[in-house]
Amino acid sequence: AAETGYSRAHFLRTFRAATGQTPHRYLIEMRLEKARALLASRAMP
């Protein structure tokens, strides 16, 4: 929320309106995409 200058509640509403997801869900999607790319490289356990 500090990145936007909004309160946490206002940030949650506006983020969801902009992305269709909560910040937590969006972050999980980012993490899963990164994991998928790392899995494709086969370099890491």
PDB file of all heavy atoms in Angstrom:
ATOM      1  N   ALA A   1       0.829  -1.207   0.000  1.00  0.00           N
ATOM      2  CA  ALA A   1       0.000   0.000   0.000  1.00  0.00           C
ATOM      3  C   ALA A   1       0.864   1.258   0.000  1.00  0.00           C
ATOM      4  O   ALA A   1       0.507   2.262  -0.620  1.00  0.00           O
ATOM      5  CB  ALA A   1      -0.935  -0.003   1.208  1.00  0.00           C
ATOM      6  N   ALA A   2       2.019   1.203   0.655  1.00  0.00           N
ATOM      7  CA  ALA A   2       2.925   2.355   0.699  1.00  0.00           C
ATOM      8  C   ALA A   2       3.413   2.740  -0.696  1.00  0.00           C
ATOM      9  O   ALA A   2       3.709   3.911  -0.958  1.00  0.00           O
ATOM     10  CB  ALA A   2       4.117   2.056   1.607  1.00  0.00           C
ATOM     11  N   GLU A   3       3.484   1.777  -1.608  1.00  0.00           N
ATOM     12  CA  GLU A   3       3.892   2.069  -2.985  1.00  0.00           C
ATOM     13  C   GLU A   3       2.872   2.961  -3.692  1.00  0.00           C
ATOM     14  O   GLU A   3       3.189   3.614  -4.674  1.00  0.00           O
ATOM     15  CB  GLU A   3       4.074   0.765  -3.777  1.00  0.00           C
ATOM     16  CG  GLU A   3       5.208  -0.113  -3.306  1.00  0.00           C
ATOM     17  CD  GLU A   3       6.586   0.467  -3.586  1.00  0.00           C
ATOM     18  OE1 GLU A   3       6.741   1.198  -4.589  1.00  0.00           O
ATOM     19  OE2 GLU A   3       7.503   0.196  -2.787  1.00  0.00           O
ATOM     20  N   THR A   4       1.637   2.969  -3.200  1.00  0.00           N
ATOM     21  CA  THR A   4       0.566   3.740  -3.834  1.00  0.00           C
ATOM     22  C   THR A   4       0.217   5.005  -3.067  1.00  0.00           C
ATOM     23  O   THR A   4      -0.402   5.907  -3.617  1.00  0.00           O
ATOM     24  CB  THR A   4      -0.719   2.892  -3.938  1.00  0.00           C
ATOM     25  OG1 THR A   4      -1.208   2.624  -2.616  1.00  0.00           O
ATOM     26  CG2 THR A   4      -0.459   1.583  -4.666  1.00  0.00           C
ATOM     27  N   GLY A   5       0.557   5.042  -1.772  1.00  0.00           N
ATOM     28  CA  GLY A   5       0.156   6.163  -0.937  1.00  0.00           C
ATOM     29  C   GLY A   5      -1.261   6.024  -0.400  1.00  0.00           C
ATOM     30  O   GLY A   5      -1.789   6.940   0.224  1.00  0.00           O
ATOM     31  N   TYR A   6      -1.896   4.878  -0.635  1.00  0.00           N
ATOM     32  CA  TYR A   6      -3.257   4.628  -0.164  1.00  0.00           C
ATOM     33  C   TYR A   6      -3.234   3.886   1.164  1.00  0.00           C
ATOM     34  O   TYR A   6      -2.248   3.249   1.514  1.00  0.00           O
ATOM     35  CB  TYR A   6      -4.032   3.774  -1.171  1.00  0.00           C
ATOM     36  CG  TYR A   6      -4.308   4.417  -2.507  1.00  0.00           C
ATOM     37  CD1 TYR A   6      -4.625   3.631  -3.602  1.00  0.00           C
ATOM     38  CD2 TYR A   6      -4.268   5.789  -2.701  1.00  0.00           C
ATOM     39  CE1 TYR A   6      -4.887   4.188  -4.846  1.00  0.00           C
ATOM     40  CE2 TYR A   6      -4.532   6.360  -3.929  1.00  0.00           C
ATOM     41  CZ  TYR A   6      -4.844   5.554  -5.002  1.00  0.00           C
ATOM     42  OH  TYR A   6      -5.110   6.107  -6.215  1.00  0.00           O
ATOM     43  N   SER A   7      -4.356   3.927   1.853  1.00  0.00           N
ATOM     44  CA  SER A   7      -4.520   3.085   3.037  1.00  0.00           C
ATOM     45  C   SER A   7      -4.574   1.633   2.573  1.00  0.00           C
ATOM     46  O   SER A   7      -4.808   1.351   1.395  1.00  0.00           O
ATOM     47  CB  SER A   7      -5.820   3.434   3.769  1.00  0.00           C
ATOM     48  OG  SER A   7      -6.945   3.007   3.012  1.00  0.00           O
ATOM     49  N   ARG A   8      -4.382   0.707   3.513  1.00  0.00           N
ATOM     50  CA  ARG A   8      -4.405  -0.713   3.146  1.00  0.00           C
ATOM     51  C   ARG A   8      -5.757  -1.127   2.571  1.00  0.00           C
ATOM     52  O   ARG A   8      -5.822  -1.849   1.576  1.00  0.00           O
ATOM     53  CB  ARG A   8      -4.050  -1.579   4.353  1.00  0.00           C
ATOM     54  CG  ARG A   8      -2.613  -1.413   4.783  1.00  0.00           C
ATOM     55  CD  ARG A   8      -2.296  -2.203   6.008  1.00  0.00           C
ATOM     56  NE  ARG A   8      -3.317  -2.009   7.034  1.00  0.00           N
ATOM     57  CZ  ARG A   8      -3.497  -2.792   8.081  1.00  0.00           C
ATOM     58  NH1 ARG A   8      -2.723  -3.843   8.252  1.00  0.00           N
ATOM     59  NH2 ARG A   8      -4.420  -2.546   8.968  1.00  0.00           N
ATOM     60  N   ALA A   9      -6.839  -0.666   3.194  1.00  0.00           N
ATOM     61  CA  ALA A   9      -8.178  -1.046   2.722  1.00  0.00           C
ATOM     62  C   ALA A   9      -8.449  -0.492   1.326  1.00  0.00           C
ATOM     63  O   ALA A   9      -8.969  -1.192   0.457  1.00  0.00           O
ATOM     64  CB  ALA A   9      -9.230  -0.556   3.707  1.00  0.00           C
ATOM     65  N   HIS A  10      -8.092   0.776   1.102  1.00  0.00           N
ATOM     66  CA  HIS A  10      -8.308   1.377  -0.211  1.00  0.00           C
ATOM     67  C   HIS A  10      -7.422   0.702  -1.259  1.00  0.00           C
ATOM     68  O   HIS A  10      -7.858   0.444  -2.379  1.00  0.00           O
ATOM     69  CB  HIS A  10      -8.041   2.882  -0.148  1.00  0.00           C
ATOM     70  CG  HIS A  10      -8.450   3.609  -1.384  1.00  0.00           C
ATOM     71  ND1 HIS A  10      -9.773   3.720  -1.768  1.00  0.00           N
ATOM     72  CD2 HIS A  10      -7.720   4.233  -2.341  1.00  0.00           C
ATOM     73  CE1 HIS A  10      -9.836   4.404  -2.907  1.00  0.00           C
ATOM     74  NE2 HIS A  10      -8.600   4.717  -3.271  1.00  0.00           N
ATOM     75  N   PHE A  11      -6.190   0.405  -0.879  1.00  0.00           N
ATOM     76  CA  PHE A  11      -5.279  -0.296  -1.790  1.00  0.00           C
ATOM     77  C   PHE A  11      -5.862  -1.650  -2.196  1.00  0.00           C
ATOM     78  O   PHE A  11      -5.858  -2.017  -3.374  1.00  0.00           O
ATOM     79  CB  PHE A  11      -3.901  -0.479  -1.139  1.00  0.00           C
ATOM     80  CG  PHE A  11      -3.050  -1.489  -1.842  1.00  0.00           C
ATOM     81  CD1 PHE A  11      -2.541  -1.235  -3.111  1.00  0.00           C
ATOM     82  CD2 PHE A  11      -2.772  -2.712  -1.253  1.00  0.00           C
ATOM     83  CE1 PHE A  11      -1.771  -2.182  -3.769  1.00  0.00           C
ATOM     84  CE2 PHE A  11      -2.007  -3.663  -1.902  1.00  0.00           C
ATOM     85  CZ  PHE A  11      -1.504  -3.400  -3.170  1.00  0.00           C
ATOM     86  N   LEU A  12      -6.368  -2.414  -1.211  1.00  0.00           N
ATOM     87  CA  LEU A  12      -6.947  -3.730  -1.515  1.00  0.00           C
ATOM     88  C   LEU A  12      -8.072  -3.616  -2.540  1.00  0.00           C
ATOM     89  O   LEU A  12      -8.129  -4.373  -3.505  1.00  0.00           O
ATOM     90  CB  LEU A  12      -7.500  -4.378  -0.247  1.00  0.00           C
ATOM     91  CG  LEU A  12      -6.526  -5.151   0.613  1.00  0.00           C
ATOM     92  CD1 LEU A  12      -7.178  -5.535   1.941  1.00  0.00           C
ATOM     93  CD2 LEU A  12      -6.029  -6.392  -0.103  1.00  0.00           C
ATOM     94  N   ARG A  13      -8.970  -2.652  -2.343  1.00  0.00           N
ATOM     95  CA  ARG A  13     -10.099  -2.487  -3.263  1.00  0.00           C
ATOM     96  C   ARG A  13      -9.639  -2.084  -4.653  1.00  0.00           C
ATOM     97  O   ARG A  13     -10.095  -2.630  -5.655  1.00  0.00           O
ATOM     98  CB  ARG A  13     -11.078  -1.442  -2.715  1.00  0.00           C
ATOM     99  CG  ARG A  13     -11.977  -1.944  -1.617  1.00  0.00           C
ATOM    100  CD  ARG A  13     -13.074  -0.952  -1.302  1.00  0.00           C
ATOM    101  NE  ARG A  13     -12.562   0.351  -0.898  1.00  0.00           N
ATOM    102  CZ  ARG A  13     -12.127   0.640   0.323  1.00  0.00           C
ATOM    103  NH1 ARG A  13     -12.132  -0.273   1.271  1.00  0.00           N
ATOM    104  NH2 ARG A  13     -11.688   1.845   0.611  1.00  0.00           N
ATOM    105  N   THR A  14      -8.750  -1.098  -4.719  1.00  0.00           N
ATOM    106  CA  THR A  14      -8.343  -0.601  -6.033  1.00  0.00           C
ATOM    107  C   THR A  14      -7.467  -1.610  -6.773  1.00  0.00           C
ATOM    108  O   THR A  14      -7.539  -1.719  -7.994  1.00  0.00           O
ATOM    109  CB  THR A  14      -7.615   0.753  -5.917  1.00  0.00           C
ATOM    110  OG1 THR A  14      -6.473   0.617  -5.064  1.00  0.00           O
ATOM    111  CG2 THR A  14      -8.541   1.829  -5.376  1.00  0.00           C
ATOM    112  N   PHE A  15      -6.645  -2.362  -6.032  1.00  0.00           N
ATOM    113  CA  PHE A  15      -5.819  -3.394  -6.669  1.00  0.00           C
ATOM    114  C   PHE A  15      -6.720  -4.463  -7.278  1.00  0.00           C
ATOM    115  O   PHE A  15      -6.521  -4.882  -8.421  1.00  0.00           O
ATOM    116  CB  PHE A  15      -4.854  -4.019  -5.660  1.00  0.00           C
ATOM    117  CG  PHE A  15      -3.888  -4.982  -6.283  1.00  0.00           C
ATOM    118  CD1 PHE A  15      -2.641  -4.552  -6.713  1.00  0.00           C
ATOM    119  CD2 PHE A  15      -4.209  -6.334  -6.444  1.00  0.00           C
ATOM    120  CE1 PHE A  15      -1.741  -5.437  -7.305  1.00  0.00           C
ATOM    121  CE2 PHE A  15      -3.322  -7.225  -7.025  1.00  0.00           C
ATOM    122  CZ  PHE A  15      -2.076  -6.771  -7.454  1.00  0.00           C
ATOM    123  N   ARG A  16      -7.721  -4.879  -6.524  1.00  0.00           N
ATOM    124  CA  ARG A  16      -8.632  -5.914  -7.028  1.00  0.00           C
ATOM    125  C   ARG A  16      -9.410  -5.408  -8.234  1.00  0.00           C
ATOM    126  O   ARG A  16      -9.637  -6.150  -9.201  1.00  0.00           O
ATOM    127  CB  ARG A  16      -9.570  -6.358  -5.923  1.00  0.00           C
ATOM    128  CG  ARG A  16     -10.437  -7.518  -6.359  1.00  0.00           C
ATOM    129  CD  ARG A  16     -11.197  -8.114  -5.210  1.00  0.00           C
ATOM    130  NE  ARG A  16     -11.429  -9.516  -5.486  1.00  0.00           N
ATOM    131  CZ  ARG A  16     -11.573 -10.448  -4.589  1.00  0.00           C
ATOM    132  NH1 ARG A  16     -11.482 -10.148  -3.330  1.00  0.00           N
ATOM    133  NH2 ARG A  16     -11.803 -11.685  -4.941  1.00  0.00           N
ATOM    134  N   ALA A  17      -9.826  -4.140  -8.193  1.00  0.00           N
ATOM    135  CA  ALA A  17     -10.562  -3.566  -9.323  1.00  0.00           C
ATOM    136  C   ALA A  17      -9.679  -3.505 -10.567  1.00  0.00           C
ATOM    137  O   ALA A  17     -10.152  -3.690 -11.685  1.00  0.00           O
ATOM    138  CB  ALA A  17     -11.085  -2.172  -8.969  1.00  0.00           C
ATOM    139  N   ALA A  18      -8.383  -3.252 -10.377  1.00  0.00           N
ATOM    140  CA  ALA A  18      -7.456  -3.138 -11.515  1.00  0.00           C
ATOM    141  C   ALA A  18      -7.040  -4.485 -12.073  1.00  0.00           C
ATOM    142  O   ALA A  18      -6.831  -4.620 -13.280  1.00  0.00           O
ATOM    143  CB  ALA A  18      -6.214  -2.349 -11.083  1.00  0.00           C
ATOM    144  N   THR A  19      -6.915  -5.502 -11.225  1.00  0.00           N
ATOM    145  CA  THR A  19      -6.349  -6.782 -11.675  1.00  0.00           C
ATOM    146  C   THR A  19      -7.345  -7.945 -11.652  1.00  0.00           C
ATOM    147  O   THR A  19      -7.072  -8.987 -12.251  1.00  0.00           O
ATOM    148  CB  THR A  19      -5.154  -7.191 -10.792  1.00  0.00           C
ATOM    149  OG1 THR A  19      -5.619  -7.458  -9.460  1.00  0.00           O
ATOM    150  CG2 THR A  19      -4.083  -6.108 -10.768  1.00  0.00           C
ATOM    151  N   GLY A  20      -8.449  -7.772 -10.925  1.00  0.00           N
ATOM    152  CA  GLY A  20      -9.392  -8.870 -10.773  1.00  0.00           C
ATOM    153  C   GLY A  20      -8.959  -9.897  -9.734  1.00  0.00           C
ATOM    154  O   GLY A  20      -9.592 -10.938  -9.571  1.00  0.00           O
ATOM    155  N   GLN A  21      -7.866  -9.610  -9.021  1.00  0.00           N
ATOM    156  CA  GLN A  21      -7.339 -10.531  -8.012  1.00  0.00           C
ATOM    157  C   GLN A  21      -6.906  -9.758  -6.774  1.00  0.00           C
ATOM    158  O   GLN A  21      -6.618  -8.569  -6.846  1.00  0.00           O
ATOM    159  CB  GLN A  21      -6.115 -11.275  -8.556  1.00  0.00           C
ATOM    160  CG  GLN A  21      -6.403 -12.170  -9.741  1.00  0.00           C
ATOM    161  CD  GLN A  21      -5.143 -12.858 -10.228  1.00  0.00           C
ATOM    162  OE1 GLN A  21      -4.086 -12.245 -10.332  1.00  0.00           O
ATOM    163  NE2 GLN A  21      -5.249 -14.129 -10.530  1.00  0.00           N
ATOM    164  N   THR A  22      -6.831 -10.472  -5.647  1.00  0.00           N
ATOM    165  CA  THR A  22      -6.258  -9.871  -4.452  1.00  0.00           C
ATOM    166  C   THR A  22      -4.743  -9.781  -4.627  1.00  0.00           C
ATOM    167  O   THR A  22      -4.167 -10.524  -5.445  1.00  0.00           O
ATOM    168  CB  THR A  22      -6.547 -10.730  -3.207  1.00  0.00           C
ATOM    169  OG1 THR A  22      -5.894 -11.992  -3.355  1.00  0.00           O
ATOM    170  CG2 THR A  22      -8.036 -10.910  -2.989  1.00  0.00           C
ATOM    171  N   PRO A  23      -4.070  -8.920  -3.873  1.00  0.00           N
ATOM    172  CA  PRO A  23      -2.608  -8.875  -3.968  1.00  0.00           C
ATOM    173  C   PRO A  23      -1.969 -10.235  -3.672  1.00  0.00           C
ATOM    174  O   PRO A  23      -1.004 -10.634  -4.338  1.00  0.00           O
ATOM    175  CB  PRO A  23      -2.209  -7.825  -2.920  1.00  0.00           C
ATOM    176  CG  PRO A  23      -3.414  -6.969  -2.768  1.00  0.00           C
ATOM    177  CD  PRO A  23      -4.591  -7.867  -2.986  1.00  0.00           C
ATOM    178  N   HIS A  24      -2.507 -10.949  -2.695  1.00  0.00           N
ATOM    179  CA  HIS A  24      -1.953 -12.267  -2.360  1.00  0.00           C
ATOM    180  C   HIS A  24      -2.066 -13.228  -3.538  1.00  0.00           C
ATOM    181  O   HIS A  24      -1.110 -13.906  -3.899  1.00  0.00           O
ATOM    182  CB  HIS A  24      -2.659 -12.852  -1.136  1.00  0.00           C
ATOM    183  CG  HIS A  24      -2.235 -14.248  -0.847  1.00  0.00           C
ATOM    184  ND1 HIS A  24      -3.017 -15.328  -1.159  1.00  0.00           N
ATOM    185  CD2 HIS A  24      -1.089 -14.745  -0.315  1.00  0.00           C
ATOM    186  CE1 HIS A  24      -2.376 -16.438  -0.823  1.00  0.00           C
ATOM    187  NE2 HIS A  24      -1.213 -16.111  -0.304  1.00  0.00           N
ATOM    188  N   ARG A  25      -3.238 -13.287  -4.174  1.00  0.00           N
ATOM    189  CA  ARG A  25      -3.439 -14.194  -5.311  1.00  0.00           C
ATOM    190  C   ARG A  25      -2.522 -13.807  -6.469  1.00  0.00           C
ATOM    191  O   ARG A  25      -1.954 -14.667  -7.149  1.00  0.00           O
ATOM    192  CB  ARG A  25      -4.911 -14.136  -5.745  1.00  0.00           C
ATOM    193  CG  ARG A  25      -5.272 -15.091  -6.838  1.00  0.00           C
ATOM    194  CD  ARG A  25      -5.280 -16.512  -6.336  1.00  0.00           C
ATOM    195  NE  ARG A  25      -4.282 -17.267  -7.060  1.00  0.00           N
ATOM    196  CZ  ARG A  25      -3.787 -18.427  -6.674  1.00  0.00           C
ATOM    197  NH1 ARG A  25      -4.172 -18.990  -5.557  1.00  0.00           N
ATOM    198  NH2 ARG A  25      -2.897 -19.048  -7.382  1.00  0.00           N
ATOM    199  N   TYR A  26      -2.365 -12.499  -6.693  1.00  0.00           N
ATOM    200  CA  TYR A  26      -1.505 -12.035  -7.781  1.00  0.00           C
ATOM    201  C   TYR A  26      -0.053 -12.425  -7.518  1.00  0.00           C
ATOM    202  O   TYR A  26       0.658 -12.873  -8.420  1.00  0.00           O
ATOM    203  CB  TYR A  26      -1.629 -10.510  -7.939  1.00  0.00           C
ATOM    204  CG  TYR A  26      -1.210 -10.020  -9.301  1.00  0.00           C
ATOM    205  CD1 TYR A  26      -2.160  -9.786 -10.293  1.00  0.00           C
ATOM    206  CD2 TYR A  26       0.124  -9.801  -9.605  1.00  0.00           C
ATOM    207  CE1 TYR A  26      -1.793  -9.344 -11.552  1.00  0.00           C
ATOM    208  CE2 TYR A  26       0.507  -9.365 -10.862  1.00  0.00           C
ATOM    209  CZ  TYR A  26      -0.450  -9.137 -11.827  1.00  0.00           C
ATOM    210  OH  TYR A  26      -0.074  -8.707 -13.074  1.00  0.00           O
ATOM    211  N   LEU A  27       0.378 -12.289  -6.270  1.00  0.00           N
ATOM    212  CA  LEU A  27       1.745 -12.658  -5.899  1.00  0.00           C
ATOM    213  C   LEU A  27       1.960 -14.162  -6.076  1.00  0.00           C
ATOM    214  O   LEU A  27       3.005 -14.594  -6.574  1.00  0.00           O
ATOM    215  CB  LEU A  27       2.041 -12.242  -4.459  1.00  0.00           C
ATOM    216  CG  LEU A  27       3.455 -12.516  -3.937  1.00  0.00           C
ATOM    217  CD1 LEU A  27       4.500 -11.746  -4.754  1.00  0.00           C
ATOM    218  CD2 LEU A  27       3.560 -12.151  -2.466  1.00  0.00           C
ATOM    219  N   ILE A  28       0.973 -14.972  -5.708  1.00  0.00           N
ATOM    220  CA  ILE A  28       1.084 -16.422  -5.894  1.00  0.00           C
ATOM    221  C   ILE A  28       1.232 -16.746  -7.378  1.00  0.00           C
ATOM    222  O   ILE A  28       2.040 -17.597  -7.769  1.00  0.00           O
ATOM    223  CB  ILE A  28      -0.140 -17.155  -5.284  1.00  0.00           C
ATOM    224  CG1 ILE A  28      -0.124 -17.042  -3.762  1.00  0.00           C
ATOM    225  CG2 ILE A  28      -0.176 -18.625  -5.714  1.00  0.00           C
ATOM    226  CD1 ILE A  28       1.036 -17.722  -3.072  1.00  0.00           C
ATOM    227  N   GLU A  29       0.460 -16.061  -8.233  1.00  0.00           N
ATOM    228  CA  GLU A  29       0.573 -16.287  -9.684  1.00  0.00           C
ATOM    229  C   GLU A  29       1.979 -15.940 -10.172  1.00  0.00           C
ATOM    230  O   GLU A  29       2.545 -16.672 -10.986  1.00  0.00           O
ATOM    231  CB  GLU A  29      -0.476 -15.457 -10.435  1.00  0.00           C
ATOM    232  CG  GLU A  29      -1.892 -15.953 -10.265  1.00  0.00           C
ATOM    233  CD  GLU A  29      -2.108 -17.336 -10.867  1.00  0.00           C
ATOM    234  OE1 GLU A  29      -1.560 -17.632 -11.947  1.00  0.00           O
ATOM    235  OE2 GLU A  29      -2.845 -18.129 -10.250  1.00  0.00           O
ATOM    236  N   MET A  30       2.540 -14.836  -9.690  1.00  0.00           N
ATOM    237  CA  MET A  30       3.915 -14.464 -10.062  1.00  0.00           C
ATOM    238  C   MET A  30       4.899 -15.552  -9.639  1.00  0.00           C
ATOM    239  O   MET A  30       5.817 -15.914 -10.385  1.00  0.00           O
ATOM    240  CB  MET A  30       4.317 -13.138  -9.405  1.00  0.00           C
ATOM    241  CG  MET A  30       3.763 -11.909 -10.029  1.00  0.00           C
ATOM    242  SD  MET A  30       4.439 -10.450  -9.151  1.00  0.00           S
ATOM    243  CE  MET A  30       4.305  -9.233 -10.442  1.00  0.00           C
ATOM    244  N   ARG A  31       4.720 -16.041  -8.422  1.00  0.00           N
ATOM    245  CA  ARG A  31       5.616 -17.077  -7.907  1.00  0.00           C
ATOM    246  C   ARG A  31       5.501 -18.355  -8.724  1.00  0.00           C
ATOM    247  O   ARG A  31       6.507 -19.016  -9.013  1.00  0.00           O
ATOM    248  CB  ARG A  31       5.292 -17.352  -6.440  1.00  0.00           C
ATOM    249  CG  ARG A  31       5.696 -16.225  -5.523  1.00  0.00           C
ATOM    250  CD  ARG A  31       5.233 -16.446  -4.100  1.00  0.00           C
ATOM    251  NE  ARG A  31       5.799 -15.434  -3.219  1.00  0.00           N
ATOM    252  CZ  ARG A  31       5.486 -15.311  -1.946  1.00  0.00           C
ATOM    253  NH1 ARG A  31       4.618 -16.153  -1.391  1.00  0.00           N
ATOM    254  NH2 ARG A  31       6.033 -14.368  -1.214  1.00  0.00           N
ATOM    255  N   LEU A  32       4.287 -18.714  -9.101  1.00  0.00           N
ATOM    256  CA  LEU A  32       4.087 -19.932  -9.885  1.00  0.00           C
ATOM    257  C   LEU A  32       4.691 -19.802 -11.277  1.00  0.00           C
ATOM    258  O   LEU A  32       5.266 -20.765 -11.800  1.00  0.00           O
ATOM    259  CB  LEU A  32       2.599 -20.265  -9.970  1.00  0.00           C
ATOM    260  CG  LEU A  32       1.975 -20.786  -8.676  1.00  0.00           C
ATOM    261  CD1 LEU A  32       0.457 -20.836  -8.789  1.00  0.00           C
ATOM    262  CD2 LEU A  32       2.542 -22.150  -8.318  1.00  0.00           C
ATOM    263  N   GLU A  33       4.578 -18.632 -11.878  1.00  0.00           N
ATOM    264  CA  GLU A  33       5.196 -18.425 -13.197  1.00  0.00           C
ATOM    265  C   GLU A  33       6.723 -18.515 -13.107  1.00  0.00           C
ATOM    266  O   GLU A  33       7.371 -19.091 -13.980  1.00  0.00           O
ATOM    267  CB  GLU A  33       4.762 -17.085 -13.797  1.00  0.00           C
ATOM    268  CG  GLU A  33       3.329 -17.074 -14.288  1.00  0.00           C
ATOM    269  CD  GLU A  33       3.026 -18.151 -15.329  1.00  0.00           C
ATOM    270  OE1 GLU A  33       3.898 -18.478 -16.161  1.00  0.00           O
ATOM    271  OE2 GLU A  33       1.892 -18.683 -15.307  1.00  0.00           O
ATOM    272  N   LYS A  34       7.286 -17.957 -12.052  1.00  0.00           N
ATOM    273  CA  LYS A  34       8.735 -18.057 -11.862  1.00  0.00           C
ATOM    274  C   LYS A  34       9.132 -19.518 -11.645  1.00  0.00           C
ATOM    275  O   LYS A  34      10.125 -19.988 -12.209  1.00  0.00           O
ATOM    276  CB  LYS A  34       9.181 -17.204 -10.675  1.00  0.00           C
ATOM    277  CG  LYS A  34      10.688 -17.229 -10.467  1.00  0.00           C
ATOM    278  CD  LYS A  34      11.121 -16.291  -9.363  1.00  0.00           C
ATOM    279  CE  LYS A  34      12.645 -16.335  -9.222  1.00  0.00           C
ATOM    280  NZ  LYS A  34      13.125 -15.409  -8.190  1.00  0.00           N
ATOM    281  N   ALA A  35       8.350 -20.234 -10.844  1.00  0.00           N
ATOM    282  CA  ALA A  35       8.637 -21.654 -10.601  1.00  0.00           C
ATOM    283  C   ALA A  35       8.568 -22.440 -11.900  1.00  0.00           C
ATOM    284  O   ALA A  35       9.414 -23.301 -12.168  1.00  0.00           O
ATOM    285  CB  ALA A  35       7.654 -22.225  -9.577  1.00  0.00           C
ATOM    286  N   ARG A  36       7.580 -22.147 -12.719  1.00  0.00           N
ATOM    287  CA  ARG A  36       7.435 -22.858 -13.998  1.00  0.00           C
ATOM    288  C   ARG A  36       8.646 -22.635 -14.892  1.00  0.00           C
ATOM    289  O   ARG A  36       9.155 -23.572 -15.499  1.00  0.00           O
ATOM    290  CB  ARG A  36       6.151 -22.405 -14.692  1.00  0.00           C
ATOM    291  CG  ARG A  36       5.789 -23.274 -15.872  1.00  0.00           C
ATOM    292  CD  ARG A  36       4.357 -23.151 -16.242  1.00  0.00           C
ATOM    293  NE  ARG A  36       4.038 -21.856 -16.810  1.00  0.00           N
ATOM    294  CZ  ARG A  36       2.981 -21.624 -17.560  1.00  0.00           C
ATOM    295  NH1 ARG A  36       2.133 -22.602 -17.827  1.00  0.00           N
ATOM    296  NH2 ARG A  36       2.742 -20.432 -18.027  1.00  0.00           N
ATOM    297  N   ALA A  37       9.145 -21.406 -14.932  1.00  0.00           N
ATOM    298  CA  ALA A  37      10.339 -21.111 -15.741  1.00  0.00           C
ATOM    299  C   ALA A  37      11.561 -21.850 -15.184  1.00  0.00           C
ATOM    300  O   ALA A  37      12.365 -22.396 -15.951  1.00  0.00           O
ATOM    301  CB  ALA A  37      10.595 -19.609 -15.769  1.00  0.00           C
ATOM    302  N   LEU A  38      11.707 -21.868 -13.854  1.00  0.00           N
ATOM    303  CA  LEU A  38      12.840 -22.561 -13.252  1.00  0.00           C
ATOM    304  C   LEU A  38      12.747 -24.073 -13.457  1.00  0.00           C
ATOM    305  O   LEU A  38      13.769 -24.746 -13.654  1.00  0.00           O
ATOM    306  CB  LEU A  38      12.938 -22.237 -11.762  1.00  0.00           C
ATOM    307  CG  LEU A  38      13.348 -20.802 -11.424  1.00  0.00           C
ATOM    308  CD1 LEU A  38      13.206 -20.531  -9.932  1.00  0.00           C
ATOM    309  CD2 LEU A  38      14.770 -20.519 -11.889  1.00  0.00           C
ATOM    310  N   LEU A  39      11.545 -24.609 -13.425  1.00  0.00           N
ATOM    311  CA  LEU A  39      11.358 -26.045 -13.674  1.00  0.00           C
ATOM    312  C   LEU A  39      11.766 -26.409 -15.092  1.00  0.00           C
ATOM    313  O   LEU A  39      12.355 -27.459 -15.332  1.00  0.00           O
ATOM    314  CB  LEU A  39       9.897 -26.447 -13.438  1.00  0.00           C
ATOM    315  CG  LEU A  39       9.464 -26.535 -11.989  1.00  0.00           C
ATOM    316  CD1 LEU A  39       7.940 -26.564 -11.889  1.00  0.00           C
ATOM    317  CD2 LEU A  39      10.067 -27.758 -11.323  1.00  0.00           C
ATOM    318  N   ALA A  40      11.471 -25.540 -16.037  1.00  0.00           N
ATOM    319  CA  ALA A  40      11.803 -25.806 -17.437  1.00  0.00           C
ATOM    320  C   ALA A  40      13.313 -25.847 -17.662  1.00  0.00           C
ATOM    321  O   ALA A  40      13.793 -26.562 -18.536  1.00  0.00           O
ATOM    322  CB  ALA A  40      11.161 -24.760 -18.343  1.00  0.00           C
ATOM    323  N   SER A  41      14.068 -25.112 -16.843  1.00  0.00           N
ATOM    324  CA  SER A  41      15.526 -25.090 -17.029  1.00  0.00           C
ATOM    325  C   SER A  41      16.193 -26.337 -16.469  1.00  0.00           C
ATOM    326  O   SER A  41      17.314 -26.652 -16.822  1.00  0.00           O
ATOM    327  CB  SER A  41      16.127 -23.846 -16.365  1.00  0.00           C
ATOM    328  OG  SER A  41      16.116 -23.998 -14.958  1.00  0.00           O
ATOM    329  N   ARG A  42      15.496 -27.043 -15.552  1.00  0.00           N
ATOM    330  CA  ARG A  42      15.989 -28.280 -14.936  1.00  0.00           C
ATOM    331  C   ARG A  42      17.283 -28.109 -14.146  1.00  0.00           C
ATOM    332  O   ARG A  42      17.937 -29.078 -13.818  1.00  0.00           O
ATOM    333  CB  ARG A  42      16.206 -29.375 -15.991  1.00  0.00           C
ATOM    334  CG  ARG A  42      14.951 -29.777 -16.682  1.00  0.00           C
ATOM    335  CD  ARG A  42      15.248 -30.860 -17.692  1.00  0.00           C
ATOM    336  NE  ARG A  42      14.065 -31.169 -18.446  1.00  0.00           N
ATOM    337  CZ  ARG A  42      13.446 -32.327 -18.415  1.00  0.00           C
ATOM    338  NH1 ARG A  42      13.895 -33.296 -17.680  1.00  0.00           N
ATOM    339  NH2 ARG A  42      12.366 -32.524 -19.139  1.00  0.00           N
ATOM    340  N   ALA A  43      17.671 -26.887 -13.860  1.00  0.00           N
ATOM    341  CA  ALA A  43      18.959 -26.664 -13.203  1.00  0.00           C
ATOM    342  C   ALA A  43      18.892 -26.751 -11.678  1.00  0.00           C
ATOM    343  O   ALA A  43      19.897 -27.005 -11.033  1.00  0.00           O
ATOM    344  CB  ALA A  43      19.519 -25.299 -13.604  1.00  0.00           C
ATOM    345  N   MET A  44      17.716 -26.548 -11.089  1.00  0.00           N
ATOM    346  CA  MET A  44      17.606 -26.473  -9.625  1.00  0.00           C
ATOM    347  C   MET A  44      16.756 -27.607  -9.075  1.00  0.00           C
ATOM    348  O   MET A  44      15.752 -27.983  -9.682  1.00  0.00           O
ATOM    349  CB  MET A  44      16.956 -25.142  -9.213  1.00  0.00           C
ATOM    350  CG  MET A  44      17.767 -23.912  -9.513  1.00  0.00           C
ATOM    351  SD  MET A  44      16.825 -22.391  -9.131  1.00  0.00           S
ATOM    352  CE  MET A  44      16.876 -22.410  -7.346  1.00  0.00           C
ATOM    353  N   PRO A  45      17.102 -28.106  -7.872  1.00  0.00           N
ATOM    354  CA  PRO A  45      16.228 -29.064  -7.189  1.00  0.00           C
ATOM    355  C   PRO A  45      14.910 -28.379  -6.801  1.00  0.00           C
ATOM    356  O   PRO A  45      14.866 -27.164  -6.590  1.00  0.00           O
ATOM    357  CB  PRO A  45      17.013 -29.459  -5.943  1.00  0.00           C
ATOM    358  CG  PRO A  45      18.413 -29.004  -6.176  1.00  0.00           C
ATOM    359  CD  PRO A  45      18.353 -27.869  -7.153  1.00  0.00           C
TER     360      PRO A  45
END
